[in-house]
Amino acid sequence: MKNTINREKKYNSEMLWFNHRKKSVHPEEVVYLKSYENYTRFHLKSGQILLASYTMKTYEQKLSTKGGFTRINRGTLLSCPEIGLHKFM
């Protein structure tokens, strides 16, 4: 009998994963999210834009538990610390 090696990677649940878990981003790197039909665009501090194949509602639920994100309209989820709104919340 062969020894089977558990090749399953352990993923950090704090990170946001993209591209079939090949790329990850920490929520602190996100400036805002924009909905794009059934996809979500992540706009990062670095200026990079990532496209995710889940709706913004999915990410809103995930990020609301981490705090610091608020939905300012139907199509935008904003990082409050990024613009200084954390002082008022």
PDB file of N, CA and C in Angstrom:
ATOM      1  N   MET A   1       0.828  -1.180   0.000  1.00  0.00           N
ATOM      2  CA  MET A   1       0.000   0.000   0.000  1.00  0.00           C
ATOM      3  C   MET A   1       0.877   1.249   0.000  1.00  0.00           C
ATOM      4  N   LYS A   2       0.610   2.167  -0.870  1.00  0.00           N
ATOM      5  CA  LYS A   2       1.387   3.399  -0.960  1.00  0.00           C
ATOM      6  C   LYS A   2       0.962   4.367   0.125  1.00  0.00           C
ATOM      7  N   ASN A   3       1.960   5.101   0.598  1.00  0.00           N
ATOM      8  CA  ASN A   3       1.628   6.189   1.510  1.00  0.00           C
ATOM      9  C   ASN A   3       1.050   7.331   0.687  1.00  0.00           C
ATOM     10  N   THR A   4      -0.071   7.812   1.120  1.00  0.00           N
ATOM     11  CA  THR A   4      -0.642   8.961   0.424  1.00  0.00           C
ATOM     12  C   THR A   4      -0.281  10.207   1.193  1.00  0.00           C
ATOM     13  N   ILE A   5       0.145  11.189   0.470  1.00  0.00           N
ATOM     14  CA  ILE A   5       0.545  12.453   1.069  1.00  0.00           C
ATOM     15  C   ILE A   5      -0.615  13.426   0.896  1.00  0.00           C
ATOM     16  N   ASN A   6      -0.968  14.050   1.974  1.00  0.00           N
ATOM     17  CA  ASN A   6      -2.032  15.041   1.907  1.00  0.00           C
ATOM     18  C   ASN A   6      -1.464  16.294   1.246  1.00  0.00           C
ATOM     19  N   ARG A   7      -1.851  16.509   0.017  1.00  0.00           N
ATOM     20  CA  ARG A   7      -1.325  17.636  -0.743  1.00  0.00           C
ATOM     21  C   ARG A   7      -2.229  18.856  -0.668  1.00  0.00           C
ATOM     22  N   GLU A   8      -3.254  18.743   0.132  1.00  0.00           N
ATOM     23  CA  GLU A   8      -4.174  19.865   0.249  1.00  0.00           C
ATOM     24  C   GLU A   8      -3.483  21.023   0.946  1.00  0.00           C
ATOM     25  N   LYS A   9      -3.500  22.179   0.319  1.00  0.00           N
ATOM     26  CA  LYS A   9      -2.882  23.358   0.903  1.00  0.00           C
ATOM     27  C   LYS A   9      -3.803  23.929   1.962  1.00  0.00           C
ATOM     28  N   LYS A  10      -3.195  24.502   2.973  1.00  0.00           N
ATOM     29  CA  LYS A  10      -3.972  25.180   3.990  1.00  0.00           C
ATOM     30  C   LYS A  10      -4.025  26.647   3.617  1.00  0.00           C
ATOM     31  N   TYR A  11      -5.238  27.166   3.518  1.00  0.00           N
ATOM     32  CA  TYR A  11      -5.441  28.535   3.084  1.00  0.00           C
ATOM     33  C   TYR A  11      -5.790  29.415   4.267  1.00  0.00           C
ATOM     34  N   ASN A  12      -5.236  30.588   4.290  1.00  0.00           N
ATOM     35  CA  ASN A  12      -5.505  31.568   5.322  1.00  0.00           C
ATOM     36  C   ASN A  12      -6.895  32.148   5.077  1.00  0.00           C
ATOM     37  N   SER A  13      -7.792  31.970   6.033  1.00  0.00           N
ATOM     38  CA  SER A  13      -9.168  32.414   5.862  1.00  0.00           C
ATOM     39  C   SER A  13      -9.299  33.934   5.914  1.00  0.00           C
ATOM     40  N   GLU A  14      -8.264  34.633   6.386  1.00  0.00           N
ATOM     41  CA  GLU A  14      -8.286  36.093   6.419  1.00  0.00           C
ATOM     42  C   GLU A  14      -8.121  36.694   5.028  1.00  0.00           C
ATOM     43  N   MET A  15      -7.530  35.960   4.140  1.00  0.00           N
ATOM     44  CA  MET A  15      -7.236  36.463   2.807  1.00  0.00           C
ATOM     45  C   MET A  15      -8.440  36.294   1.887  1.00  0.00           C
ATOM     46  N   LEU A  16      -8.495  37.114   0.851  1.00  0.00           N
ATOM     47  CA  LEU A  16      -9.471  36.974  -0.222  1.00  0.00           C
ATOM     48  C   LEU A  16      -8.768  36.254  -1.360  1.00  0.00           C
ATOM     49  N   TRP A  17      -9.332  35.147  -1.811  1.00  0.00           N
ATOM     50  CA  TRP A  17      -8.669  34.314  -2.809  1.00  0.00           C
ATOM     51  C   TRP A  17      -9.294  34.499  -4.182  1.00  0.00           C
ATOM     52  N   PHE A  18      -8.448  34.475  -5.216  1.00  0.00           N
ATOM     53  CA  PHE A  18      -8.870  34.657  -6.597  1.00  0.00           C
ATOM     54  C   PHE A  18      -8.222  33.590  -7.465  1.00  0.00           C
ATOM     55  N   ASN A  19      -8.773  33.448  -8.662  1.00  0.00           N
ATOM     56  CA  ASN A  19      -8.128  32.621  -9.685  1.00  0.00           C
ATOM     57  C   ASN A  19      -7.882  31.197  -9.204  1.00  0.00           C
ATOM     58  N   HIS A  20      -8.927  30.566  -8.691  1.00  0.00           N
ATOM     59  CA  HIS A  20      -8.857  29.187  -8.204  1.00  0.00           C
ATOM     60  C   HIS A  20      -7.775  29.011  -7.132  1.00  0.00           C
ATOM     61  N   ARG A  21      -7.764  29.967  -6.211  1.00  0.00           N
ATOM     62  CA  ARG A  21      -6.842  29.966  -5.067  1.00  0.00           C
ATOM     63  C   ARG A  21      -5.367  30.053  -5.473  1.00  0.00           C
ATOM     64  N   LYS A  22      -5.107  30.710  -6.579  1.00  0.00           N
ATOM     65  CA  LYS A  22      -3.725  30.924  -7.007  1.00  0.00           C
ATOM     66  C   LYS A  22      -3.221  32.295  -6.583  1.00  0.00           C
ATOM     67  N   LYS A  23      -4.134  33.229  -6.355  1.00  0.00           N
ATOM     68  CA  LYS A  23      -3.767  34.585  -5.959  1.00  0.00           C
ATOM     69  C   LYS A  23      -4.595  34.981  -4.755  1.00  0.00           C
ATOM     70  N   SER A  24      -3.936  35.643  -3.806  1.00  0.00           N
ATOM     71  CA  SER A  24      -4.656  36.088  -2.614  1.00  0.00           C
ATOM     72  C   SER A  24      -4.343  37.555  -2.332  1.00  0.00           C
ATOM     73  N   VAL A  25      -5.296  38.200  -1.653  1.00  0.00           N
ATOM     74  CA  VAL A  25      -5.159  39.604  -1.293  1.00  0.00           C
ATOM     75  C   VAL A  25      -5.689  39.759   0.119  1.00  0.00           C
ATOM     76  N   HIS A  26      -4.990  40.520   0.923  1.00  0.00           N
ATOM     77  CA  HIS A  26      -5.467  40.809   2.276  1.00  0.00           C
ATOM     78  C   HIS A  26      -6.530  41.900   2.171  1.00  0.00           C
ATOM     79  N   PRO A  27      -7.613  41.806   2.958  1.00  0.00           N
ATOM     80  CA  PRO A  27      -8.674  42.816   2.881  1.00  0.00           C
ATOM     81  C   PRO A  27      -8.195  44.252   3.074  1.00  0.00           C
ATOM     82  N   GLU A  28      -7.106  44.451   3.792  1.00  0.00           N
ATOM     83  CA  GLU A  28      -6.573  45.800   3.998  1.00  0.00           C
ATOM     84  C   GLU A  28      -6.036  46.412   2.709  1.00  0.00           C
ATOM     85  N   GLU A  29      -5.768  45.598   1.704  1.00  0.00           N
ATOM     86  CA  GLU A  29      -5.261  46.088   0.421  1.00  0.00           C
ATOM     87  C   GLU A  29      -6.384  46.578  -0.494  1.00  0.00           C
ATOM     88  N   VAL A  30      -7.637  46.289  -0.130  1.00  0.00           N
ATOM     89  CA  VAL A  30      -8.780  46.635  -0.973  1.00  0.00           C
ATOM     90  C   VAL A  30      -9.246  48.056  -0.674  1.00  0.00           C
ATOM     91  N   VAL A  31      -9.391  48.867  -1.709  1.00  0.00           N
ATOM     92  CA  VAL A  31      -9.917  50.216  -1.572  1.00  0.00           C
ATOM     93  C   VAL A  31     -11.436  50.174  -1.711  1.00  0.00           C
ATOM     94  N   TYR A  32     -11.924  49.547  -2.778  1.00  0.00           N
ATOM     95  CA  TYR A  32     -13.361  49.381  -2.949  1.00  0.00           C
ATOM     96  C   TYR A  32     -13.651  48.237  -3.909  1.00  0.00           C
ATOM     97  N   LEU A  33     -14.908  47.789  -3.908  1.00  0.00           N
ATOM     98  CA  LEU A  33     -15.390  46.743  -4.790  1.00  0.00           C
ATOM     99  C   LEU A  33     -16.517  47.318  -5.627  1.00  0.00           C
ATOM    100  N   LYS A  34     -16.553  46.935  -6.892  1.00  0.00           N
ATOM    101  CA  LYS A  34     -17.636  47.346  -7.790  1.00  0.00           C
ATOM    102  C   LYS A  34     -18.273  46.100  -8.380  1.00  0.00           C
ATOM    103  N   SER A  35     -19.600  46.094  -8.417  1.00  0.00           N
ATOM    104  CA  SER A  35     -20.281  44.959  -9.034  1.00  0.00           C
ATOM    105  C   SER A  35     -20.222  45.096 -10.555  1.00  0.00           C
ATOM    106  N   TYR A  36     -20.131  43.979 -11.203  1.00  0.00           N
ATOM    107  CA  TYR A  36     -20.053  43.923 -12.655  1.00  0.00           C
ATOM    108  C   TYR A  36     -20.815  42.682 -13.088  1.00  0.00           C
ATOM    109  N   GLU A  37     -22.129  42.859 -13.303  1.00  0.00           N
ATOM    110  CA  GLU A  37     -23.041  41.753 -13.601  1.00  0.00           C
ATOM    111  C   GLU A  37     -22.919  40.698 -12.494  1.00  0.00           C
ATOM    112  N   ASN A  38     -22.542  39.477 -12.809  1.00  0.00           N
ATOM    113  CA  ASN A  38     -22.389  38.433 -11.779  1.00  0.00           C
ATOM    114  C   ASN A  38     -20.943  38.301 -11.312  1.00  0.00           C
ATOM    115  N   TYR A  39     -20.167  39.329 -11.491  1.00  0.00           N
ATOM    116  CA  TYR A  39     -18.771  39.350 -11.080  1.00  0.00           C
ATOM    117  C   TYR A  39     -18.545  40.537 -10.149  1.00  0.00           C
ATOM    118  N   THR A  40     -17.382  40.557  -9.527  1.00  0.00           N
ATOM    119  CA  THR A  40     -17.003  41.672  -8.665  1.00  0.00           C
ATOM    120  C   THR A  40     -15.604  42.116  -9.026  1.00  0.00           C
ATOM    121  N   ARG A  41     -15.425  43.410  -9.188  1.00  0.00           N
ATOM    122  CA  ARG A  41     -14.095  43.985  -9.444  1.00  0.00           C
ATOM    123  C   ARG A  41     -13.544  44.521  -8.133  1.00  0.00           C
ATOM    124  N   PHE A  42     -12.339  44.101  -7.814  1.00  0.00           N
ATOM    125  CA  PHE A  42     -11.637  44.577  -6.620  1.00  0.00           C
ATOM    126  C   PHE A  42     -10.619  45.614  -7.051  1.00  0.00           C
ATOM    127  N   HIS A  43     -10.714  46.809  -6.510  1.00  0.00           N
ATOM    128  CA  HIS A  43      -9.768  47.879  -6.793  1.00  0.00           C
ATOM    129  C   HIS A  43      -8.834  47.972  -5.592  1.00  0.00           C
ATOM    130  N   LEU A  44      -7.553  47.729  -5.830  1.00  0.00           N
ATOM    131  CA  LEU A  44      -6.566  47.645  -4.764  1.00  0.00           C
ATOM    132  C   LEU A  44      -5.763  48.934  -4.626  1.00  0.00           C
ATOM    133  N   LYS A  45      -5.102  49.090  -3.489  1.00  0.00           N
ATOM    134  CA  LYS A  45      -4.254  50.258  -3.229  1.00  0.00           C
ATOM    135  C   LYS A  45      -3.166  50.404  -4.282  1.00  0.00           C
ATOM    136  N   SER A  46      -2.682  49.293  -4.781  1.00  0.00           N
ATOM    137  CA  SER A  46      -1.603  49.311  -5.766  1.00  0.00           C
ATOM    138  C   SER A  46      -2.072  49.785  -7.142  1.00  0.00           C
ATOM    139  N   GLY A  47      -3.388  49.956  -7.301  1.00  0.00           N
ATOM    140  CA  GLY A  47      -3.933  50.342  -8.588  1.00  0.00           C
ATOM    141  C   GLY A  47      -4.386  49.159  -9.420  1.00  0.00           C
ATOM    142  N   GLN A  48      -4.062  47.971  -8.968  1.00  0.00           N
ATOM    143  CA  GLN A  48      -4.435  46.754  -9.673  1.00  0.00           C
ATOM    144  C   GLN A  48      -5.936  46.496  -9.514  1.00  0.00           C
ATOM    145  N   ILE A  49      -6.555  45.925 -10.539  1.00  0.00           N
ATOM    146  CA  ILE A  49      -7.963  45.554 -10.497  1.00  0.00           C
ATOM    147  C   ILE A  49      -8.058  44.048 -10.717  1.00  0.00           C
ATOM    148  N   LEU A  50      -8.731  43.374  -9.791  1.00  0.00           N
ATOM    149  CA  LEU A  50      -8.932  41.933  -9.899  1.00  0.00           C
ATOM    150  C   LEU A  50     -10.403  41.654 -10.135  1.00  0.00           C
ATOM    151  N   LEU A  51     -10.688  40.681 -10.971  1.00  0.00           N
ATOM    152  CA  LEU A  51     -12.061  40.296 -11.259  1.00  0.00           C
ATOM    153  C   LEU A  51     -12.336  38.952 -10.606  1.00  0.00           C
ATOM    154  N   ALA A  52     -13.400  38.894  -9.803  1.00  0.00           N
ATOM    155  CA  ALA A  52     -13.773  37.666  -9.106  1.00  0.00           C
ATOM    156  C   ALA A  52     -15.106  37.158  -9.649  1.00  0.00           C
ATOM    157  N   SER A  53     -15.259  35.853  -9.680  1.00  0.00           N
ATOM    158  CA  SER A  53     -16.446  35.258 -10.287  1.00  0.00           C
ATOM    159  C   SER A  53     -17.589  35.024  -9.296  1.00  0.00           C
ATOM    160  N   TYR A  54     -17.659  35.835  -8.261  1.00  0.00           N
ATOM    161  CA  TYR A  54     -18.773  35.790  -7.324  1.00  0.00           C
ATOM    162  C   TYR A  54     -19.424  37.162  -7.280  1.00  0.00           C
ATOM    163  N   THR A  55     -20.677  37.196  -6.843  1.00  0.00           N
ATOM    164  CA  THR A  55     -21.379  38.468  -6.749  1.00  0.00           C
ATOM    165  C   THR A  55     -20.856  39.275  -5.570  1.00  0.00           C
ATOM    166  N   MET A  56     -21.142  40.563  -5.588  1.00  0.00           N
ATOM    167  CA  MET A  56     -20.690  41.430  -4.511  1.00  0.00           C
ATOM    168  C   MET A  56     -21.349  41.046  -3.184  1.00  0.00           C
ATOM    169  N   LYS A  57     -22.552  40.514  -3.236  1.00  0.00           N
ATOM    170  CA  LYS A  57     -23.244  40.092  -2.020  1.00  0.00           C
ATOM    171  C   LYS A  57     -22.415  39.055  -1.253  1.00  0.00           C
ATOM    172  N   THR A  58     -21.791  38.145  -1.970  1.00  0.00           N
ATOM    173  CA  THR A  58     -20.935  37.132  -1.348  1.00  0.00           C
ATOM    174  C   THR A  58     -19.787  37.783  -0.595  1.00  0.00           C
ATOM    175  N   TYR A  59     -19.136  38.748  -1.228  1.00  0.00           N
ATOM    176  CA  TYR A  59     -18.011  39.427  -0.588  1.00  0.00           C
ATOM    177  C   TYR A  59     -18.472  40.374   0.510  1.00  0.00           C
ATOM    178  N   GLU A  60     -19.644  40.959   0.349  1.00  0.00           N
ATOM    179  CA  GLU A  60     -20.180  41.829   1.394  1.00  0.00           C
ATOM    180  C   GLU A  60     -20.375  41.034   2.682  1.00  0.00           C
ATOM    181  N   GLN A  61     -20.918  39.838   2.574  1.00  0.00           N
ATOM    182  CA  GLN A  61     -21.110  38.986   3.752  1.00  0.00           C
ATOM    183  C   GLN A  61     -19.772  38.600   4.374  1.00  0.00           C
ATOM    184  N   LYS A  62     -18.819  38.274   3.546  1.00  0.00           N
ATOM    185  CA  LYS A  62     -17.497  37.876   4.040  1.00  0.00           C
ATOM    186  C   LYS A  62     -16.769  39.040   4.705  1.00  0.00           C
ATOM    187  N   LEU A  63     -16.804  40.212   4.075  1.00  0.00           N
ATOM    188  CA  LEU A  63     -16.072  41.366   4.587  1.00  0.00           C
ATOM    189  C   LEU A  63     -16.780  42.054   5.747  1.00  0.00           C
ATOM    190  N   SER A  64     -18.087  41.887   5.863  1.00  0.00           N
ATOM    191  CA  SER A  64     -18.802  42.523   6.975  1.00  0.00           C
ATOM    192  C   SER A  64     -18.393  41.916   8.310  1.00  0.00           C
ATOM    193  N   THR A  65     -17.988  40.660   8.311  1.00  0.00           N
ATOM    194  CA  THR A  65     -17.522  40.032   9.552  1.00  0.00           C
ATOM    195  C   THR A  65     -16.150  40.558   9.950  1.00  0.00           C
ATOM    196  N   LYS A  66     -15.381  41.040   8.993  1.00  0.00           N
ATOM    197  CA  LYS A  66     -14.050  41.583   9.274  1.00  0.00           C
ATOM    198  C   LYS A  66     -14.122  43.062   9.659  1.00  0.00           C
ATOM    199  N   GLY A  67     -15.228  43.710   9.331  1.00  0.00           N
ATOM    200  CA  GLY A  67     -15.418  45.124   9.664  1.00  0.00           C
ATOM    201  C   GLY A  67     -14.685  46.041   8.711  1.00  0.00           C
ATOM    202  N   GLY A  68     -15.098  47.311   8.734  1.00  0.00           N
ATOM    203  CA  GLY A  68     -14.405  48.312   7.940  1.00  0.00           C
ATOM    204  C   GLY A  68     -14.913  48.489   6.529  1.00  0.00           C
ATOM    205  N   PHE A  69     -15.918  47.716   6.095  1.00  0.00           N
ATOM    206  CA  PHE A  69     -16.468  47.865   4.755  1.00  0.00           C
ATOM    207  C   PHE A  69     -17.940  48.232   4.864  1.00  0.00           C
ATOM    208  N   THR A  70     -18.369  49.131   4.013  1.00  0.00           N
ATOM    209  CA  THR A  70     -19.774  49.520   3.997  1.00  0.00           C
ATOM    210  C   THR A  70     -20.245  49.653   2.553  1.00  0.00           C
ATOM    211  N   ARG A  71     -21.483  49.275   2.330  1.00  0.00           N
ATOM    212  CA  ARG A  71     -22.056  49.368   0.986  1.00  0.00           C
ATOM    213  C   ARG A  71     -22.659  50.753   0.834  1.00  0.00           C
ATOM    214  N   ILE A  72     -22.098  51.553  -0.066  1.00  0.00           N
ATOM    215  CA  ILE A  72     -22.555  52.936  -0.201  1.00  0.00           C
ATOM    216  C   ILE A  72     -23.659  53.087  -1.239  1.00  0.00           C
ATOM    217  N   ASN A  73     -23.764  52.117  -2.138  1.00  0.00           N
ATOM    218  CA  ASN A  73     -24.891  52.053  -3.068  1.00  0.00           C
ATOM    219  C   ASN A  73     -25.000  50.629  -3.587  1.00  0.00           C
ATOM    220  N   ARG A  74     -25.908  50.420  -4.502  1.00  0.00           N
ATOM    221  CA  ARG A  74     -26.169  49.060  -4.970  1.00  0.00           C
ATOM    222  C   ARG A  74     -24.935  48.381  -5.574  1.00  0.00           C
ATOM    223  N   GLY A  75     -24.067  49.143  -6.179  1.00  0.00           N
ATOM    224  CA  GLY A  75     -22.954  48.548  -6.905  1.00  0.00           C
ATOM    225  C   GLY A  75     -21.575  48.785  -6.332  1.00  0.00           C
ATOM    226  N   THR A  76     -21.476  49.368  -5.120  1.00  0.00           N
ATOM    227  CA  THR A  76     -20.161  49.700  -4.567  1.00  0.00           C
ATOM    228  C   THR A  76     -20.064  49.343  -3.095  1.00  0.00           C
ATOM    229  N   LEU A  77     -18.993  48.659  -2.743  1.00  0.00           N
ATOM    230  CA  LEU A  77     -18.664  48.338  -1.359  1.00  0.00           C
ATOM    231  C   LEU A  77     -17.338  49.025  -1.069  1.00  0.00           C
ATOM    232  N   LEU A  78     -17.313  49.869  -0.061  1.00  0.00           N
ATOM    233  CA  LEU A  78     -16.186  50.759   0.186  1.00  0.00           C
ATOM    234  C   LEU A  78     -15.455  50.389   1.472  1.00  0.00           C
ATOM    235  N   SER A  79     -14.128  50.465   1.424  1.00  0.00           N
ATOM    236  CA  SER A  79     -13.303  50.261   2.612  1.00  0.00           C
ATOM    237  C   SER A  79     -13.264  51.564   3.397  1.00  0.00           C
ATOM    238  N   CYS A  80     -13.920  51.593   4.542  1.00  0.00           N
ATOM    239  CA  CYS A  80     -14.004  52.822   5.343  1.00  0.00           C
ATOM    240  C   CYS A  80     -12.643  53.311   5.839  1.00  0.00           C
ATOM    241  N   PRO A  81     -11.772  52.450   6.356  1.00  0.00           N
ATOM    242  CA  PRO A  81     -10.462  52.948   6.803  1.00  0.00           C
ATOM    243  C   PRO A  81      -9.658  53.611   5.683  1.00  0.00           C
ATOM    244  N   GLU A  82      -9.889  53.195   4.469  1.00  0.00           N
ATOM    245  CA  GLU A  82      -9.138  53.737   3.331  1.00  0.00           C
ATOM    246  C   GLU A  82      -9.469  55.205   3.091  1.00  0.00           C
ATOM    247  N   ILE A  83     -10.678  55.613   3.411  1.00  0.00           N
ATOM    248  CA  ILE A  83     -11.046  57.010   3.163  1.00  0.00           C
ATOM    249  C   ILE A  83     -11.262  57.793   4.448  1.00  0.00           C
ATOM    250  N   GLY A  84     -11.012  57.170   5.584  1.00  0.00           N
ATOM    251  CA  GLY A  84     -11.109  57.877   6.839  1.00  0.00           C
ATOM    252  C   GLY A  84     -12.482  57.858   7.496  1.00  0.00           C
ATOM    253  N   LEU A  85     -13.423  57.057   6.985  1.00  0.00           N
ATOM    254  CA  LEU A  85     -14.747  56.991   7.575  1.00  0.00           C
ATOM    255  C   LEU A  85     -14.772  56.260   8.915  1.00  0.00           C
ATOM    256  N   HIS A  86     -13.718  55.535   9.220  1.00  0.00           N
ATOM    257  CA  HIS A  86     -13.704  54.775  10.480  1.00  0.00           C
ATOM    258  C   HIS A  86     -13.802  55.710  11.689  1.00  0.00           C
ATOM    259  N   LYS A  87     -13.494  56.974  11.520  1.00  0.00           N
ATOM    260  CA  LYS A  87     -13.589  57.941  12.619  1.00  0.00           C
ATOM    261  C   LYS A  87     -15.046  58.209  12.999  1.00  0.00           C
ATOM    262  N   PHE A  88     -15.956  58.026  12.027  1.00  0.00           N
ATOM    263  CA  PHE A  88     -17.350  58.364  12.238  1.00  0.00           C
ATOM    264  C   PHE A  88     -18.217  57.167  12.555  1.00  0.00           C
ATOM    265  N   MET A  89     -17.702  55.975  12.387  1.00  0.00           N
ATOM    266  CA  MET A  89     -18.526  54.773  12.565  1.00  0.00           C
ATOM    267  C   MET A  89     -18.422  54.230  13.969  1.00  0.00           C
TER     268      MET A  89
END
